[in-house]
Structures are given as structure tokens and as C-alpha cells.
Amino acid sequence: MNRFALPVLAVALAAAGPALASSASLDPPSSASGYVARLLINEAPFPGEKGYVSVADSQGCMLQILWVLDSRIRHIPGGYRQEQVAAVRTSDVLDVITAGGERGQCDGFYRDAQGNLRTVPRVEERLQYLLKIANEGKPGKFATLVNYAQGLAAAYLKGGVEEADRFAGIERVGPVRVTGRAYSWMTDRDCYSPGGNFVKIPNEQSGSLGGNRFFTLKELQ
């Protein structure tokens, strides 16, 4: 071996260090934090995609989706059973995400026959595309959104949601008394609705974020 090979290689790697560093990264999909982060990214638009408004709007969407998941576990309103709100009885956010299987309440997120966390191919394909853009050139909006989702998921699994729930204090939607908090979200189109006792949170109450419409619940007397 050339005795200069290792020193030269070390210099080359040191010079290339900043270029080799990733601007954005995610935990493995088999981990709880990586799985939750993938859901948040899957549900929020990135620059150039339909529904994208701004980084702040997409971040707000991710945060409120996380609040929906948490509310389905820890904030079941009086008169309701968890199964009515979350389609499952559990204290595990992963059970909420995967309830109903591949085409369940979080479309494309499910457990296989062995209980392993899975996503359909389109989820990972888009994710790899977003990561590729996020890690090209200087850190920008894509890297900011990817890292926000991962940080939000990791922090939640350690200690819950730290940021405020913007829907927590809603008491009325028009003439209808509601429970406060959001318990569902769907693509923001008039033809989409979870039905039942879910009540659409209107624009004047910030009910549309990241191309998604959020829904609270009718208060039961």
C-alpha cells in the first residue's frame, strides 16, 4: 500500500465533509419515531405540490395531525367512546395510525400479518424523492419540513405534543356546540367528510391547513 494513500484520503474526506453531510434525514421506518414522521410528511404538501402554501402552513398541518392522533388517545370527549372516535381502543399512537389496515383511517399505513409497521410503495417513493431534493445544495424548505416532521415525531414519543393545539378552545361552529379539538382530517374538498357527529372547522377558525380540512365533534348533551 502506498504510504501516502491514507493521509491523502483523509484530506480528501475532510475537504468533502460538508458536502457529504445530509441536510435532512429520517429515523428508520420500523421505528416509532420514523413511522410517525412518515405519516406527517405523507399528509402535508411540499413546495410545488397541490395544497402547498408555505413552510409554516405545512408545519401547522403536521402539528395538527399529530394533535388529532393524540386527541384520539388522550382527549376523548364526554359521551363518546374511543372506538367511535379512533376506530380502536388503545393507548398506542401506532395502533391509531394503522387501525383499519392498508386502506384504513390513515390510508397506506398498516401492520402486516406479523405485526410489522408497513407503508404502501407510493409513500416511500415520494419520501425518497423529497429526501433527494432536501439533500441537494444548501438546506432549504424541503429539508426544513423533513426535519420538522422528524423532530416533532421524536419529541412527541418522548413527552407528548409541546406546541399548542389551535383547535382546543373551539366551543361553537356556527350554531353547533362542539367539543373543541380536532378528531379527524381529510383532503380539503367539499365532497370529503367523515360524516356522523364530525363537524367541519371552517376557514374563519383556521380549519384548513396544508390542503387538509380538520373536523371537530358535536358536543353530546
Protein backbone atom coordinates (compact mmCIF):
# COMPACT_ATOMS: atom_id res chain seq x y z
CA MET A 1 0.00 0.00 0.00
CA ASN A 2 1.24 3.50 -0.82
CA ARG A 3 2.22 5.12 2.46
CA PHE A 4 0.68 8.40 1.28
CA ALA A 5 -2.69 6.85 0.45
CA LEU A 6 -4.33 7.20 3.86
CA PRO A 7 -3.18 10.80 4.53
CA VAL A 8 -4.32 11.88 1.06
CA LEU A 9 -7.68 10.12 1.55
CA ALA A 10 -8.10 11.75 4.96
CA VAL A 11 -7.51 15.19 3.47
CA ALA A 12 -9.97 14.47 0.67
CA LEU A 13 -12.65 13.32 3.09
CA ALA A 14 -12.11 16.31 5.34
CA ALA A 15 -12.50 18.64 2.40
CA ALA A 16 -15.63 16.81 1.27
CA GLY A 17 -17.12 16.65 4.78
CA PRO A 18 -19.74 19.39 4.43
CA ALA A 19 -20.88 18.03 1.06
CA LEU A 20 -21.27 14.52 2.47
CA ALA A 21 -23.39 15.65 5.40
CA SER A 22 -27.13 15.22 4.96
CA SER A 23 -29.35 18.26 5.34
CA ALA A 24 -32.34 16.08 6.15
CA SER A 25 -32.75 12.56 7.50
CA LEU A 26 -35.39 10.31 8.99
CA ASP A 27 -35.35 7.54 11.55
CA PRO A 28 -35.91 4.01 10.12
CA PRO A 29 -39.48 3.20 9.06
CA SER A 30 -39.51 0.30 11.54
CA SER A 31 -39.04 2.73 14.45
CA ALA A 32 -41.97 4.51 16.07
CA SER A 33 -40.46 7.95 15.50
CA GLY A 34 -39.63 7.21 11.87
CA TYR A 35 -43.12 5.82 11.24
CA VAL A 36 -44.94 8.78 12.78
CA ALA A 37 -42.68 11.20 10.88
CA ARG A 38 -43.53 9.44 7.62
CA LEU A 39 -47.23 9.90 8.27
CA LEU A 40 -46.77 13.63 8.95
CA ILE A 41 -44.74 14.04 5.75
CA ASN A 42 -47.20 11.95 3.75
CA GLU A 43 -50.13 14.12 4.80
CA ALA A 44 -48.54 17.56 4.30
CA PRO A 45 -47.71 19.24 0.96
CA PHE A 46 -44.19 20.27 -0.01
CA PRO A 47 -43.21 23.11 -2.37
CA GLY A 48 -44.60 22.53 -5.86
CA GLU A 49 -47.31 20.12 -4.71
CA LYS A 50 -51.04 20.76 -4.70
CA GLY A 51 -52.18 22.44 -1.49
CA TYR A 52 -48.79 23.94 -0.65
CA VAL A 53 -48.99 27.49 0.70
CA SER A 54 -45.88 27.97 2.81
CA VAL A 55 -43.47 26.16 5.12
CA ALA A 56 -45.39 27.49 8.12
CA ASP A 57 -48.71 26.24 6.73
CA SER A 58 -47.36 22.73 6.10
CA GLN A 59 -45.75 22.68 9.53
CA GLY A 60 -49.07 23.74 11.05
CA CYS A 61 -50.74 20.88 9.19
CA MET A 62 -48.24 18.35 10.58
CA LEU A 63 -48.69 19.65 14.10
CA GLN A 64 -52.47 19.48 13.98
CA ILE A 65 -52.42 15.98 12.52
CA LEU A 66 -50.28 14.93 15.46
CA TRP A 67 -52.80 16.59 17.78
CA VAL A 68 -55.61 14.61 16.11
CA LEU A 69 -53.76 11.38 16.80
CA ASP A 70 -53.07 12.39 20.38
CA SER A 71 -56.66 13.52 20.96
CA ARG A 72 -57.95 10.15 19.76
CA ILE A 73 -56.00 8.63 22.65
CA ARG A 74 -55.95 11.15 25.50
CA HIS A 75 -58.85 13.55 24.93
CA ILE A 76 -61.97 11.51 24.20
CA PRO A 77 -64.94 13.87 24.78
CA GLY A 78 -67.71 13.10 27.24
CA GLY A 79 -70.41 10.86 25.79
CA TYR A 80 -68.06 9.26 23.25
CA ARG A 81 -66.15 6.01 23.36
CA GLN A 82 -62.62 5.83 21.99
CA GLU A 83 -63.68 3.25 19.44
CA GLN A 84 -66.19 5.74 18.00
CA VAL A 85 -63.51 8.37 17.56
CA ALA A 86 -60.37 6.34 16.82
CA ALA A 87 -61.78 3.06 15.42
CA VAL A 88 -59.73 1.23 18.06
CA ARG A 89 -59.25 1.04 21.81
CA THR A 90 -55.60 1.73 22.60
CA SER A 91 -53.04 3.97 24.27
CA ASP A 92 -50.51 3.50 21.44
CA VAL A 93 -50.36 6.10 18.65
CA LEU A 94 -49.14 3.43 16.22
CA ASP A 95 -52.37 1.50 16.74
CA VAL A 96 -54.35 4.64 15.89
CA ILE A 97 -52.35 5.19 12.70
CA THR A 98 -52.65 1.58 11.49
CA ALA A 99 -56.27 0.96 12.54
CA GLY A 100 -58.29 -0.49 9.69
CA GLY A 101 -55.38 -1.89 7.74
CA GLU A 102 -53.88 -0.76 4.42
CA ARG A 103 -56.97 1.26 3.44
CA GLY A 104 -57.87 2.23 6.99
CA GLN A 105 -58.16 5.62 8.63
CA CYS A 106 -54.57 6.56 7.68
CA ASP A 107 -54.56 5.32 4.10
CA GLY A 108 -51.38 3.47 3.20
CA PHE A 109 -50.18 2.89 6.77
CA TYR A 110 -50.76 -0.56 8.24
CA ARG A 111 -49.30 -3.59 10.01
CA ASP A 112 -48.57 -6.78 8.10
CA ALA A 113 -49.62 -10.25 9.23
CA GLN A 114 -46.63 -10.41 11.57
CA GLY A 115 -47.47 -7.07 13.15
CA ASN A 116 -44.65 -5.13 11.46
CA LEU A 117 -45.18 -1.47 10.57
CA ARG A 118 -45.64 -1.02 6.83
CA THR A 119 -46.45 1.64 4.25
CA VAL A 120 -47.61 1.19 0.67
CA PRO A 121 -44.93 1.77 -2.01
CA ARG A 122 -46.15 5.23 -3.04
CA VAL A 123 -45.47 6.59 0.47
CA GLU A 124 -41.81 5.58 0.48
CA GLU A 125 -41.34 6.55 -3.18
CA ARG A 126 -42.49 10.12 -2.50
CA LEU A 127 -40.46 10.21 0.68
CA GLN A 128 -37.24 9.25 -1.13
CA TYR A 129 -37.96 11.89 -3.77
CA LEU A 130 -38.43 14.57 -1.09
CA LEU A 131 -35.27 13.48 0.73
CA LYS A 132 -33.29 13.64 -2.50
CA ILE A 133 -34.36 17.24 -3.06
CA ALA A 134 -33.85 18.11 0.60
CA ASN A 135 -30.25 16.95 0.46
CA GLU A 136 -29.29 18.77 -2.74
CA GLY A 137 -27.39 22.02 -2.28
CA LYS A 138 -27.87 24.22 0.74
CA PRO A 139 -30.59 23.28 3.27
CA GLY A 140 -33.88 24.80 2.17
CA LYS A 141 -37.63 24.38 2.53
CA PHE A 142 -37.64 20.64 1.84
CA ALA A 143 -35.00 19.96 4.49
CA THR A 144 -36.82 22.24 6.93
CA LEU A 145 -40.07 20.32 6.52
CA VAL A 146 -38.49 16.86 6.68
CA ASN A 147 -36.51 17.71 9.80
CA TYR A 148 -39.54 19.38 11.41
CA ALA A 149 -41.61 16.22 10.93
CA GLN A 150 -38.89 14.01 12.38
CA GLY A 151 -38.28 16.34 15.31
CA LEU A 152 -41.99 16.63 16.02
CA ALA A 153 -42.46 12.85 15.98
CA ALA A 154 -39.44 12.17 18.19
CA ALA A 155 -40.40 14.82 20.72
CA TYR A 156 -43.99 13.54 20.87
CA LEU A 157 -42.94 9.98 21.59
CA LYS A 158 -40.69 11.19 24.40
CA GLY A 159 -43.04 13.62 26.11
CA GLY A 160 -46.18 14.41 24.15
CA VAL A 161 -47.02 17.39 21.96
CA GLU A 162 -45.23 20.52 23.13
CA GLU A 163 -46.81 23.07 20.78
CA ALA A 164 -50.33 24.37 21.41
CA ASP A 165 -53.41 22.83 19.80
CA ARG A 166 -55.01 25.66 17.84
CA PHE A 167 -58.40 23.91 17.91
CA ALA A 168 -58.51 23.09 21.63
CA GLY A 169 -60.66 26.07 22.62
CA ILE A 170 -63.32 25.90 19.90
CA GLU A 171 -66.75 25.81 21.54
CA ARG A 172 -69.03 26.52 18.58
CA VAL A 173 -69.02 26.11 14.84
CA GLY A 174 -71.83 28.38 13.74
CA PRO A 175 -74.86 27.42 15.83
CA VAL A 176 -73.47 23.99 16.73
CA ARG A 177 -71.86 23.41 20.11
CA VAL A 178 -68.71 21.34 19.69
CA THR A 179 -66.20 19.58 21.91
CA GLY A 180 -63.12 21.53 20.88
CA ARG A 181 -60.01 19.86 19.41
CA ALA A 182 -59.89 18.20 16.03
CA TYR A 183 -60.56 14.48 15.75
CA SER A 184 -60.28 13.93 12.02
CA TRP A 185 -58.72 15.41 8.89
CA MET A 186 -59.34 14.83 5.20
CA THR A 187 -58.25 16.32 1.89
CA ASP A 188 -59.84 19.77 1.75
CA ARG A 189 -62.61 19.16 -0.77
CA ASP A 190 -66.33 19.63 -0.18
CA CYS A 191 -67.03 16.06 -1.29
CA TYR A 192 -64.94 14.63 1.56
CA SER A 193 -66.41 14.31 5.04
CA PRO A 194 -66.07 11.74 7.84
CA GLY A 195 -69.82 12.08 8.50
CA GLY A 196 -71.55 11.18 11.75
CA ASN A 197 -71.01 13.70 14.54
CA PHE A 198 -67.91 15.22 12.96
CA VAL A 199 -68.21 18.95 12.31
CA LYS A 200 -66.13 20.77 9.72
CA ILE A 201 -63.96 23.53 11.19
CA PRO A 202 -64.41 26.49 8.80
CA ASN A 203 -61.77 28.77 7.34
CA GLU A 204 -62.56 31.56 9.78
CA GLN A 205 -61.48 29.18 12.56
CA SER A 206 -58.34 28.10 10.67
CA GLY A 207 -59.83 24.73 9.77
CA SER A 208 -57.85 24.34 6.54
CA LEU A 209 -54.10 23.67 6.73
CA GLY A 210 -51.75 22.15 4.21
CA GLY A 211 -54.55 21.22 1.83
CA ASN A 212 -56.38 19.35 4.58
CA ARG A 213 -59.66 20.11 6.33
CA PHE A 214 -59.92 19.41 10.04
CA PHE A 215 -63.05 18.27 11.87
CA THR A 216 -64.11 18.54 15.49
CA LEU A 217 -67.02 16.70 17.14
CA LYS A 218 -70.54 17.75 18.01
CA GLU A 219 -70.97 18.12 21.73
CA LEU A 220 -73.31 15.49 23.16
CA GLN A 221 -75.85 16.74 25.68
